[in-house]
């Protein structure tokens, strides 16, 4: 059974004639709470098969039955799927999400052509007789898409939401702001998109490259676009977590509103939206006025993103401007702080309280631990697992996303044919053997690892084709890590996963995903001529 992610318990009946056949008269009998899953099946499987899959009552064996039963084990995302040649198909979830994930599994059982948008030819559609019981290991199975460095129109976001759903991932972390662009409309502060969403040109390749794309680059989502994205995600049981990066990675905002910067250190009115990559010294000023500005920004965003978590970044904030700023020094004295690290911690703590008062939870990259971690904060552990271990031991929730394992913009091979390679080599097998829960945590501490996440940064990924190449097939391996209880990394059945991937590549082909082939990049996927290419075995280049 070539399913990805692999279900926790699956039984297949071996006789060739033990199948259920979808027919023109097959109906979907949707019980209370399953109507959305029924619509999804009709829109996807119905389109691929050319069958109406009409709504109807479950009479006889010609039905796909959907039901919610809270006694199904594994929490609200758990499900059972039974295929009986006579009795039909039954998908039962502990909640609507469980039914939806069961429907995803049913689509995989139909074969790769069930992932197309129209039928290829008249054929018989069968599903093998089987019984599956399944539930996810983690409640946070995330994918981060950086739309700040290179803007991705909303149709790309919709496409990636569908790809996430196909892999049973349930959190889309949207990196919406950075030095190189601000990507969401804020009506109270329109210059954030009028100015901050556009840069004059773009560095091509790594920082060492002398090459530039001289075309202006930019774009942003209107508030209605965001509502549409969030609604589209919710229909697929995916939560969208926005990230607005503070106090670093903020030059686009400072370019739009120069008073946000450290004006006693430099002339911020001359700062453009950044056109190159790397850690940038131009950061927000630690003033009350800046706090009020971002409270107004966050107030609008909370109306758009109803999920519990709100990501404030907090990473890679150089302190040189604060050290040189008399206003920052006065602020440290005023607040009774020791240094600039505590000043950043105070800023993060302010928004931790502010969000908590509004029923939300702050999450940030592991630098938010420097100077003291706010009481209610959740940590995205990206600089390895050490930050996550420390936070979990202190009783904080953690999402494990170490760059060493699940940064999907990192190169997949040492081959000189790889397009714009950065970071260490991380192969499909490396991702498959990633373990989100460090073994040194006690069971009580490990309970604070609420999930895991794969991230893709787009400094050198300037198109959806480039993103596809770096993300897939590794996101399929990550999805199995996030969903399935695979055991210790050394004990995982890599040959079995490779065998299942042969079928999954056909699914990705049907979906139009331009993944990296197992044998390496195709000629058009190579990108020769960009300087800054690392030598085999060299340290990471970022």
Protein backbone atom coordinates (compact mmCIF):
# COMPACT_ATOMS: atom_id res chain seq x y z
CA UNK A 1 0.00 0.00 0.00
CA UNK A 2 1.96 3.00 -1.33
CA UNK A 3 0.53 5.64 1.01
CA UNK A 4 2.40 8.77 2.17
CA UNK A 5 2.31 9.46 5.03
CA UNK A 6 2.12 5.80 6.05
CA UNK A 7 -0.93 5.09 8.24
CA UNK A 8 -0.30 3.83 11.74
CA UNK A 9 -2.40 0.69 11.17
CA UNK A 10 -3.30 -0.69 7.75
CA UNK A 11 -4.64 -4.05 6.60
CA UNK A 12 -5.06 -4.87 2.90
CA UNK A 13 -6.89 -7.89 1.56
CA UNK A 14 -4.80 -9.63 -1.09
CA UNK A 15 -7.33 -11.12 -3.52
CA UNK A 16 -7.32 -9.28 -6.85
CA UNK A 17 -11.11 -9.15 -6.98
CA UNK A 18 -11.37 -7.66 -3.49
CA UNK A 19 -12.01 -4.11 -4.68
CA UNK A 20 -14.71 -1.49 -4.50
CA UNK A 21 -15.58 0.09 -7.84
CA UNK A 22 -16.69 3.70 -8.19
CA UNK A 23 -19.58 3.92 -10.63
CA UNK A 24 -21.75 6.70 -12.05
CA UNK A 25 -24.42 5.80 -9.49
CA UNK A 26 -21.99 5.93 -6.53
CA UNK A 27 -23.13 8.56 -4.04
CA UNK A 28 -21.47 10.35 -1.16
CA UNK A 29 -23.55 9.96 1.99
CA UNK A 30 -22.29 12.78 4.21
CA UNK A 31 -23.25 12.73 7.85
CA UNK A 32 -23.38 15.83 10.08
CA UNK A 33 -20.04 17.62 10.20
CA UNK A 34 -18.71 16.02 7.02
CA UNK A 35 -20.29 18.25 4.40
CA UNK A 36 -17.01 20.09 3.65
CA UNK A 37 -15.16 16.82 3.07
CA UNK A 38 -17.94 15.70 0.74
CA UNK A 39 -17.64 18.92 -1.28
CA UNK A 40 -13.88 18.45 -1.47
CA UNK A 41 -14.23 14.86 -2.69
CA UNK A 42 -16.76 15.89 -5.30
CA UNK A 43 -14.53 18.72 -6.51
CA UNK A 44 -11.29 16.70 -6.70
CA UNK A 45 -12.02 12.99 -7.09
CA UNK A 46 -15.19 13.80 -9.03
CA UNK A 47 -13.23 16.02 -11.42
CA UNK A 48 -10.46 13.44 -11.91
CA UNK A 49 -12.81 10.50 -12.48
CA UNK A 50 -15.56 12.30 -14.35
CA UNK A 51 -18.09 10.74 -11.95
CA UNK A 52 -20.82 12.87 -10.39
CA UNK A 53 -20.44 11.46 -6.84
CA UNK A 54 -23.81 12.99 -6.05
CA UNK A 55 -25.12 13.53 -2.57
CA UNK A 56 -27.39 10.73 -1.51
CA UNK A 57 -28.46 8.26 1.09
CA UNK A 58 -26.35 5.17 1.80
CA UNK A 59 -28.58 2.45 0.35
CA UNK A 60 -26.89 -0.79 -0.61
CA UNK A 61 -23.16 -0.91 -1.25
CA UNK A 62 -22.75 1.87 -3.82
CA UNK A 63 -21.83 4.66 -1.44
CA UNK A 64 -18.93 6.49 0.11
CA UNK A 65 -20.11 7.10 3.67
CA UNK A 66 -18.67 9.94 5.74
CA UNK A 67 -19.32 10.19 9.46
CA UNK A 68 -18.04 11.85 12.62
CA UNK A 69 -17.64 9.63 15.66
CA UNK A 70 -15.85 11.16 18.64
CA UNK A 71 -14.89 7.71 19.93
CA UNK A 72 -12.42 7.22 17.06
CA UNK A 73 -9.01 7.21 18.78
CA UNK A 74 -6.20 9.66 18.14
CA UNK A 75 -7.84 13.01 18.82
CA UNK A 76 -9.94 15.12 16.44
CA UNK A 77 -7.70 14.35 13.47
CA UNK A 78 -7.89 10.57 13.87
CA UNK A 79 -9.84 8.54 11.35
CA UNK A 80 -10.80 5.04 10.24
CA UNK A 81 -11.18 4.06 6.59
CA UNK A 82 -12.82 0.80 5.55
CA UNK A 83 -13.22 -0.36 1.96
CA UNK A 84 -15.56 -3.31 1.46
CA UNK A 85 -16.32 -4.64 -2.04
CA UNK A 86 -19.97 -5.10 -1.08
CA UNK A 87 -20.53 -2.60 1.69
CA UNK A 88 -18.77 0.34 0.02
CA UNK A 89 -16.41 2.88 1.56
CA UNK A 90 -16.74 4.23 5.07
CA UNK A 91 -14.60 7.11 6.35
CA UNK A 92 -15.16 7.90 10.02
CA UNK A 93 -13.29 10.67 11.78
CA UNK A 94 -13.15 11.72 15.39
CA UNK A 95 -13.90 15.19 14.04
CA UNK A 96 -14.36 16.89 10.67
CA UNK A 97 -10.57 17.13 10.26
CA UNK A 98 -10.23 13.38 10.70
CA UNK A 99 -12.83 12.79 7.99
CA UNK A 100 -10.92 15.12 5.67
CA UNK A 101 -7.60 13.32 6.23
CA UNK A 102 -9.36 10.04 5.61
CA UNK A 103 -10.66 11.45 2.34
CA UNK A 104 -7.08 12.34 1.38
CA UNK A 105 -6.06 8.73 1.99
CA UNK A 106 -9.01 7.50 -0.09
CA UNK A 107 -7.80 9.66 -2.99
CA UNK A 108 -4.33 8.11 -2.77
CA UNK A 109 -5.86 4.62 -2.86
CA UNK A 110 -7.54 5.44 -6.18
CA UNK A 111 -4.14 5.85 -7.86
CA UNK A 112 -2.10 8.77 -9.24
CA UNK A 113 -4.64 9.72 -11.92
CA UNK A 114 -7.06 10.66 -9.13
CA UNK A 115 -4.81 13.72 -8.63
CA UNK A 116 -5.53 15.13 -12.08
CA UNK A 117 -8.08 17.84 -12.78
CA UNK A 118 -9.94 15.99 -15.51
CA UNK A 119 -10.26 12.36 -16.59
CA UNK A 120 -7.70 11.16 -19.12
CA UNK A 121 -9.94 8.51 -20.66
CA UNK A 122 -12.87 6.32 -19.79
CA UNK A 123 -11.68 3.74 -17.27
CA UNK A 124 -12.70 1.75 -14.22
CA UNK A 125 -11.89 3.30 -10.85
CA UNK A 126 -11.27 0.78 -8.08
CA UNK A 127 -10.08 0.90 -4.49
CA UNK A 128 -8.51 -2.16 -2.82
CA UNK A 129 -10.40 -3.69 0.05
CA UNK A 130 -8.69 -2.58 3.23
CA UNK A 131 -9.06 -1.27 6.75
CA UNK A 132 -7.00 1.62 8.08
CA UNK A 133 -6.86 3.27 11.48
CA UNK A 134 -4.75 6.39 11.59
CA UNK A 135 -3.98 9.53 13.58
CA UNK A 136 -1.18 12.10 13.57
CA UNK A 137 1.80 12.09 15.88
CA UNK A 138 1.92 15.90 16.16
CA UNK A 139 -0.79 18.54 16.26
CA UNK A 140 1.46 21.12 14.53
CA UNK A 141 2.62 19.80 11.15
CA UNK A 142 3.86 22.95 9.53
CA UNK A 143 5.26 24.37 6.34
CA UNK A 144 6.68 27.90 6.18
CA UNK A 145 6.55 29.79 2.88
CA UNK A 146 8.64 32.95 2.60
CA UNK A 147 6.67 35.36 0.41
CA UNK A 148 8.65 38.42 1.57
CA UNK A 149 11.94 37.86 -0.29
CA UNK A 150 10.19 36.83 -3.49
CA UNK A 151 6.49 37.56 -3.63
CA UNK A 152 4.21 34.64 -4.48
CA UNK A 153 0.76 35.58 -5.89
CA UNK A 154 -2.20 34.16 -4.06
CA UNK A 155 -2.82 31.43 -6.64
CA UNK A 156 0.59 30.00 -5.65
CA UNK A 157 -0.47 30.06 -2.01
CA UNK A 158 -3.71 28.23 -2.90
CA UNK A 159 -1.68 25.63 -4.80
CA UNK A 160 0.63 25.06 -1.85
CA UNK A 161 -2.32 24.76 0.50
CA UNK A 162 -3.63 21.96 -1.72
CA UNK A 163 -0.20 20.31 -1.73
CA UNK A 164 -0.04 20.59 2.05
CA UNK A 165 -3.47 19.02 2.39
CA UNK A 166 -2.43 16.16 0.11
CA UNK A 167 0.39 15.46 2.60
CA UNK A 168 -1.74 15.96 5.74
CA UNK A 169 0.12 19.10 6.84
CA UNK A 170 -2.03 21.47 8.85
CA UNK A 171 -0.16 24.74 9.57
CA UNK A 172 0.90 27.24 6.90
CA UNK A 173 3.37 29.73 8.37
CA UNK A 174 3.37 32.75 6.05
CA UNK A 175 6.51 34.87 6.34
CA UNK A 176 4.89 38.15 5.34
CA UNK A 177 7.48 40.84 6.10
CA UNK A 178 11.21 41.28 5.88
CA UNK A 179 13.89 43.77 4.82
CA UNK A 180 13.10 43.03 1.17
CA UNK A 181 9.36 43.50 1.23
CA UNK A 182 6.11 43.99 3.18
CA UNK A 183 3.37 41.75 1.77
CA UNK A 184 0.09 42.49 3.55
CA UNK A 185 -2.20 45.52 3.36
CA UNK A 186 -2.51 47.56 6.57
CA UNK A 187 -5.20 50.18 6.05
CA UNK A 188 -4.12 52.43 8.90
CA UNK A 189 -0.58 52.54 7.52
CA UNK A 190 -0.91 52.38 3.72
CA UNK A 191 2.73 53.22 2.96
CA UNK A 192 3.72 49.76 4.22
CA UNK A 193 2.51 48.44 0.86
CA UNK A 194 2.65 51.61 -1.22
CA UNK A 195 6.40 51.85 -0.50
CA UNK A 196 7.43 48.77 1.47
CA UNK A 197 6.07 46.17 -0.95
CA UNK A 198 8.39 47.21 -3.80
CA UNK A 199 12.16 47.10 -4.32
CA UNK A 200 14.12 48.61 -7.19
CA UNK A 201 16.13 45.51 -8.09
CA UNK A 202 17.13 42.11 -6.72
CA UNK A 203 20.40 40.32 -6.02
CA UNK A 204 20.66 37.17 -8.14
CA UNK A 205 22.15 34.22 -6.31
CA UNK A 206 24.19 34.31 -3.13
CA UNK A 207 25.51 37.41 -1.41
CA UNK A 208 28.90 36.99 -3.13
CA UNK A 209 27.31 37.11 -6.58
CA UNK A 210 27.87 40.31 -8.60
CA UNK A 211 24.71 39.67 -10.61
CA UNK A 212 21.50 41.68 -10.35
CA UNK A 213 18.02 41.46 -11.78
CA UNK A 214 17.42 45.10 -12.62
CA UNK A 215 13.65 44.73 -12.81
CA UNK A 216 11.62 46.12 -9.88
CA UNK A 217 10.08 43.38 -7.78
CA UNK A 218 7.13 43.41 -5.43
CA UNK A 219 3.53 42.70 -4.63
CA UNK A 220 1.26 42.26 -1.65
CA UNK A 221 -1.99 40.70 -0.50
CA UNK A 222 -5.00 42.88 0.11
CA UNK A 223 -6.96 42.21 3.26
CA UNK A 224 -9.62 40.50 1.17
CA UNK A 225 -6.89 38.32 -0.38
CA UNK A 226 -5.86 37.27 3.12
CA UNK A 227 -9.45 36.48 4.06
CA UNK A 228 -9.69 34.34 0.94
CA UNK A 229 -6.42 32.51 1.71
CA UNK A 230 -7.44 31.88 5.32
CA UNK A 231 -10.86 30.61 4.24
CA UNK A 232 -9.36 28.36 1.57
CA UNK A 233 -6.95 26.95 4.17
CA UNK A 234 -9.69 26.43 6.77
CA UNK A 235 -11.72 24.39 4.28
CA UNK A 236 -8.69 22.07 4.19
CA UNK A 237 -8.24 22.07 7.98
CA UNK A 238 -5.09 24.16 7.70
CA UNK A 239 -4.40 27.07 10.05
CA UNK A 240 -2.52 30.06 8.63
CA UNK A 241 -0.01 31.58 11.06
CA UNK A 242 1.18 35.05 9.99
CA UNK A 243 4.69 36.27 10.69
CA UNK A 244 5.52 39.95 10.99
CA UNK A 245 9.20 40.15 11.87
CA UNK A 246 10.27 42.52 14.68
CA UNK A 247 12.55 44.18 15.72
CA UNK A 248 15.01 42.99 13.04
CA UNK A 249 14.33 42.20 9.39
CA UNK A 250 12.32 45.43 9.24
CA UNK A 251 13.94 47.68 6.64
CA UNK A 252 10.92 47.54 4.33
CA UNK A 253 8.77 48.98 7.14
CA UNK A 254 11.42 51.61 7.98
CA UNK A 255 11.64 52.56 4.31
CA UNK A 256 7.90 53.25 4.37
CA UNK A 257 7.91 55.01 7.74
CA UNK A 258 11.45 56.28 8.55
CA UNK A 259 10.43 57.26 12.10
CA UNK A 260 10.34 53.55 12.96
CA UNK A 261 14.13 53.37 12.70
CA UNK A 262 16.93 54.58 14.94
CA UNK A 263 16.88 58.14 13.66
CA UNK A 264 19.54 59.38 16.09
CA UNK A 265 22.05 56.95 14.57
CA UNK A 266 21.42 57.35 10.83
CA UNK A 267 19.23 59.14 8.33
CA UNK A 268 16.49 56.53 7.95
CA UNK A 269 14.68 58.65 5.34
CA UNK A 270 17.32 57.52 2.85
CA UNK A 271 16.79 53.79 3.43
CA UNK A 272 15.23 51.93 0.50
CA UNK A 273 13.58 48.55 0.61
CA UNK A 274 16.59 46.22 0.75
CA UNK A 275 17.68 44.71 -2.56
CA UNK A 276 20.22 42.13 -1.34
CA UNK A 277 20.35 39.36 1.27
CA UNK A 278 21.87 38.75 4.69
CA UNK A 279 21.51 39.96 8.26
CA UNK A 280 20.83 43.68 8.11
CA UNK A 281 21.85 46.22 10.81
CA UNK A 282 18.83 48.51 10.24
CA UNK A 283 16.35 47.53 12.95
CA UNK A 284 13.35 49.08 14.66
CA UNK A 285 13.85 51.67 17.38
CA UNK A 286 12.89 50.39 20.87
CA UNK A 287 10.44 53.24 21.54
CA UNK A 288 6.88 53.55 22.76
CA UNK A 289 5.91 55.04 19.41
CA UNK A 290 7.12 51.91 17.61
CA UNK A 291 5.16 49.72 20.03
CA UNK A 292 1.99 51.69 19.33
CA UNK A 293 2.59 51.47 15.57
CA UNK A 294 2.89 47.69 15.65
CA UNK A 295 -0.08 47.34 17.99
CA UNK A 296 -2.11 49.05 15.27
CA UNK A 297 -0.64 46.72 12.64
CA UNK A 298 -1.30 43.62 14.73
CA UNK A 299 -4.85 44.75 15.53
CA UNK A 300 -5.72 44.67 11.84
CA UNK A 301 -3.98 41.34 11.34
CA UNK A 302 -5.77 39.66 14.25
CA UNK A 303 -9.03 40.40 12.45
CA UNK A 304 -7.71 38.57 9.38
CA UNK A 305 -6.01 35.58 11.01
CA UNK A 306 -8.29 33.86 13.55
CA UNK A 307 -5.81 31.18 14.61
CA UNK A 308 -4.34 30.98 18.10
CA UNK A 309 -0.70 31.68 17.20
CA UNK A 310 0.88 34.90 15.92
CA UNK A 311 4.56 34.83 14.87
CA UNK A 312 6.63 37.93 15.62
CA UNK A 313 9.96 36.73 14.23
CA UNK A 314 12.49 38.05 16.74
CA UNK A 315 15.47 36.55 14.92
CA UNK A 316 18.76 38.01 13.72
CA UNK A 317 18.43 41.43 15.33
CA UNK A 318 21.86 43.10 15.42
CA UNK A 319 22.19 45.43 18.39
CA UNK A 320 24.84 47.83 17.03
CA UNK A 321 22.37 50.63 16.33
CA UNK A 322 20.85 50.31 19.79
CA UNK A 323 24.34 50.38 21.32
CA UNK A 324 25.07 53.62 19.45
CA UNK A 325 21.66 55.18 20.10
CA UNK A 326 21.26 57.59 23.01
CA UNK A 327 17.50 57.03 22.87
CA UNK A 328 18.01 53.27 23.25
CA UNK A 329 20.43 53.80 26.12
CA UNK A 330 17.90 56.05 27.85
CA UNK A 331 15.25 53.37 27.30
CA UNK A 332 17.42 50.73 28.96
CA UNK A 333 17.89 52.98 31.99
CA UNK A 334 14.20 53.93 32.09
CA UNK A 335 13.12 50.27 32.14
CA UNK A 336 15.82 49.19 34.60
CA UNK A 337 17.40 46.75 32.15
CA UNK A 338 20.99 45.54 31.95
CA UNK A 339 21.68 45.53 28.22
CA UNK A 340 20.36 45.45 24.67
CA UNK A 341 19.42 41.75 24.89
CA UNK A 342 17.08 42.52 27.77
CA UNK A 343 15.74 45.46 25.75
CA UNK A 344 14.72 43.10 22.96
CA UNK A 345 13.27 40.70 25.51
CA UNK A 346 11.17 43.54 26.94
CA UNK A 347 9.81 44.33 23.47
CA UNK A 348 8.93 40.67 22.90
CA UNK A 349 7.38 40.44 26.39
CA UNK A 350 5.23 43.47 25.63
CA UNK A 351 3.65 41.75 22.65
CA UNK A 352 3.42 38.44 24.50
CA UNK A 353 1.15 40.17 27.05
CA UNK A 354 -0.63 42.21 24.39
CA UNK A 355 -1.51 39.10 22.37
CA UNK A 356 -2.49 37.11 25.48
CA UNK A 357 -4.95 39.83 26.45
CA UNK A 358 -6.62 39.22 23.08
CA UNK A 359 -6.74 35.46 23.42
CA UNK A 360 -3.72 34.74 21.22
CA UNK A 361 -0.30 33.20 21.76
CA UNK A 362 3.04 34.61 20.69
CA UNK A 363 5.50 32.42 18.83
CA UNK A 364 8.96 33.49 17.69
CA UNK A 365 12.30 32.18 16.46
CA UNK A 366 14.62 30.93 19.19
CA UNK A 367 16.46 34.28 19.52
CA UNK A 368 13.49 35.45 21.58
CA UNK A 369 15.06 33.45 24.42
CA UNK A 370 18.00 35.88 24.59
CA UNK A 371 17.55 38.23 27.50
CA UNK A 372 14.77 36.09 28.99
CA UNK A 373 11.87 34.21 27.43
CA UNK A 374 8.40 35.72 27.99
CA UNK A 375 6.14 33.60 30.16
CA UNK A 376 3.63 32.51 27.52
CA UNK A 377 5.88 32.40 24.46
CA UNK A 378 6.26 29.42 22.13
CA UNK A 379 9.61 28.88 20.42
CA UNK A 380 10.35 28.01 16.79
CA UNK A 381 13.68 26.24 17.26
CA UNK A 382 15.65 26.87 14.06
CA UNK A 383 19.32 27.12 15.12
CA UNK A 384 19.49 23.40 15.73
CA UNK A 385 17.51 21.77 18.54
CA UNK A 386 19.34 23.31 21.50
CA UNK A 387 16.97 26.28 21.82
CA UNK A 388 13.98 23.97 21.71
CA UNK A 389 15.47 21.72 24.37
CA UNK A 390 16.11 24.66 26.68
CA UNK A 391 12.61 26.05 26.14
CA UNK A 392 10.91 22.68 26.66
CA UNK A 393 12.83 22.12 29.88
CA UNK A 394 11.63 25.53 31.05
CA UNK A 395 8.02 24.54 30.37
CA UNK A 396 7.54 26.36 27.06
CA UNK A 397 5.93 24.86 23.99
CA UNK A 398 8.23 24.30 21.03
CA UNK A 399 7.94 23.77 17.28
CA UNK A 400 11.07 22.00 16.04
CA UNK A 401 12.32 23.33 12.69
CA UNK A 402 16.15 23.10 12.81
CA UNK A 403 17.92 24.51 9.77
CA UNK A 404 20.26 21.53 9.86
CA UNK A 405 17.42 19.17 8.91
CA UNK A 406 14.30 20.87 7.54
CA UNK A 407 15.35 24.05 5.75
CA UNK A 408 14.20 23.01 2.30
CA UNK A 409 16.02 25.81 0.47
CA UNK A 410 19.27 24.05 1.44
CA UNK A 411 20.96 22.11 -1.33
CA UNK A 412 20.06 18.50 -2.01
CA UNK A 413 23.41 17.38 -3.43
CA UNK A 414 27.07 18.39 -3.74
CA UNK A 415 26.74 18.19 -7.51
CA UNK A 416 27.81 21.34 -9.40
CA UNK A 417 24.53 20.99 -11.33
CA UNK A 418 22.42 21.98 -8.33
CA UNK A 419 20.74 25.37 -8.81
CA UNK A 420 22.05 28.13 -6.52
CA UNK A 421 22.97 25.79 -3.68
CA UNK A 422 23.10 27.14 -0.14
CA UNK A 423 23.66 25.49 3.22
CA UNK A 424 24.74 21.96 3.90
CA UNK A 425 23.54 19.07 1.76
CA UNK A 426 20.27 17.65 3.06
CA UNK A 427 18.97 14.74 1.02
CA UNK A 428 15.55 13.12 0.93
CA UNK A 429 16.87 10.42 3.25
CA UNK A 430 18.27 13.04 5.67
CA UNK A 431 14.81 14.58 5.99
CA UNK A 432 13.18 11.17 6.36
CA UNK A 433 15.50 10.36 9.28
CA UNK A 434 14.86 13.66 11.08
CA UNK A 435 13.54 13.17 14.62
CA UNK A 436 11.69 16.22 16.03
CA UNK A 437 11.87 15.14 19.69
CA UNK A 438 15.43 15.18 21.03
CA UNK A 439 16.22 11.99 22.97
CA UNK A 440 17.59 13.92 25.94
CA UNK A 441 14.12 15.25 26.84
CA UNK A 442 12.11 13.49 29.52
CA UNK A 443 8.54 12.44 28.59
CA UNK A 444 7.19 15.45 30.48
CA UNK A 445 9.56 17.81 28.65
CA UNK A 446 8.90 16.10 25.31
CA UNK A 447 5.20 16.85 25.68
CA UNK A 448 6.10 20.51 25.07
CA UNK A 449 7.24 19.67 21.52
CA UNK A 450 3.85 20.44 20.01
CA UNK A 451 5.03 19.83 16.49
CA UNK A 452 7.53 20.29 13.73
CA UNK A 453 7.84 22.43 10.64
CA UNK A 454 9.74 22.54 7.34
CA UNK A 455 10.77 25.99 6.12
CA UNK A 456 11.58 27.35 2.67
CA UNK A 457 13.26 30.75 2.35
CA UNK A 458 13.12 32.36 -1.07
CA UNK A 459 16.16 34.62 -1.37
CA UNK A 460 17.44 32.49 -4.27
CA UNK A 461 14.07 31.01 -5.26
CA UNK A 462 12.52 33.53 -7.62
CA UNK A 463 9.69 31.43 -9.08
CA UNK A 464 7.24 28.72 -8.14
CA UNK A 465 9.25 26.32 -10.33
CA UNK A 466 12.33 26.97 -8.22
CA UNK A 467 10.32 26.53 -5.00
CA UNK A 468 8.86 23.24 -6.26
CA UNK A 469 12.34 21.93 -7.03
CA UNK A 470 13.68 22.63 -3.56
CA UNK A 471 10.57 21.66 -1.60
CA UNK A 472 9.74 18.38 -3.31
CA UNK A 473 10.17 15.49 -2.82
CA UNK A 474 11.61 16.38 0.60
CA UNK A 475 8.30 17.76 1.87
CA UNK A 476 6.80 14.29 1.34
CA UNK A 477 9.45 12.78 3.64
CA UNK A 478 8.87 15.56 6.17
CA UNK A 479 5.11 14.95 6.08
CA UNK A 480 5.66 11.35 7.08
CA UNK A 481 7.97 12.42 9.91
CA UNK A 482 5.33 14.86 11.17
CA UNK A 483 2.37 12.49 10.87
CA UNK A 484 3.61 8.95 11.47
CA UNK A 485 5.25 7.35 14.50
CA UNK A 486 8.36 6.09 12.68
CA UNK A 487 10.58 5.13 15.61
CA UNK A 488 14.25 5.96 15.99
CA UNK A 489 15.92 7.46 12.90
CA UNK A 490 18.30 4.54 12.46
CA UNK A 491 15.41 2.05 12.57
CA UNK A 492 13.27 3.70 9.89
CA UNK A 493 12.57 1.65 6.79
CA UNK A 494 14.19 3.82 4.15
CA UNK A 495 13.93 1.20 1.34
CA UNK A 496 10.18 0.92 1.99
CA UNK A 497 9.80 4.71 1.82
CA UNK A 498 11.77 4.79 -1.43
CA UNK A 499 9.48 2.12 -2.88
CA UNK A 500 6.37 4.07 -1.87
CA UNK A 501 7.86 7.23 -3.35
CA UNK A 502 7.87 5.62 -6.80
CA UNK A 503 4.08 5.81 -6.74
CA UNK A 504 4.13 9.20 -5.06
CA UNK A 505 6.26 10.71 -7.82
CA UNK A 506 3.44 9.81 -10.18
CA UNK A 507 0.99 11.64 -7.90
CA UNK A 508 3.27 14.71 -7.92
CA UNK A 509 3.46 14.47 -11.73
CA UNK A 510 -0.32 14.45 -11.90
CA UNK A 511 -0.42 17.52 -9.64
CA UNK A 512 2.09 19.35 -11.85
CA UNK A 513 4.81 19.56 -9.19
CA UNK A 514 8.25 20.16 -10.72
CA UNK A 515 10.19 18.28 -8.07
CA UNK A 516 13.86 17.36 -8.08
CA UNK A 517 14.09 13.95 -9.80
CA UNK A 518 15.85 11.16 -7.88
CA UNK A 519 18.67 11.23 -10.42
CA UNK A 520 19.34 14.95 -10.09
CA UNK A 521 18.16 18.10 -11.84
CA UNK A 522 16.86 18.05 -15.37
CA UNK A 523 18.74 20.31 -17.82
CA UNK A 524 16.27 23.17 -17.46
CA UNK A 525 16.42 22.93 -13.65
CA UNK A 526 20.16 23.65 -13.55
CA UNK A 527 21.26 27.21 -13.11
CA UNK A 528 24.86 27.63 -14.25
CA UNK A 529 26.74 30.91 -14.21
CA UNK A 530 25.67 32.23 -10.80
CA UNK A 531 28.72 33.01 -8.70
CA UNK A 532 29.08 32.07 -5.05
CA UNK A 533 28.65 28.33 -5.67
CA UNK A 534 30.09 26.31 -2.75
CA UNK A 535 32.66 23.60 -3.27
CA UNK A 536 31.73 20.02 -2.33
CA UNK A 537 32.06 19.48 1.42
CA UNK A 538 32.27 23.20 2.17
CA UNK A 539 30.58 24.80 5.20
CA UNK A 540 27.09 26.21 4.78
CA UNK A 541 26.70 29.35 2.71
CA UNK A 542 23.71 31.45 3.66
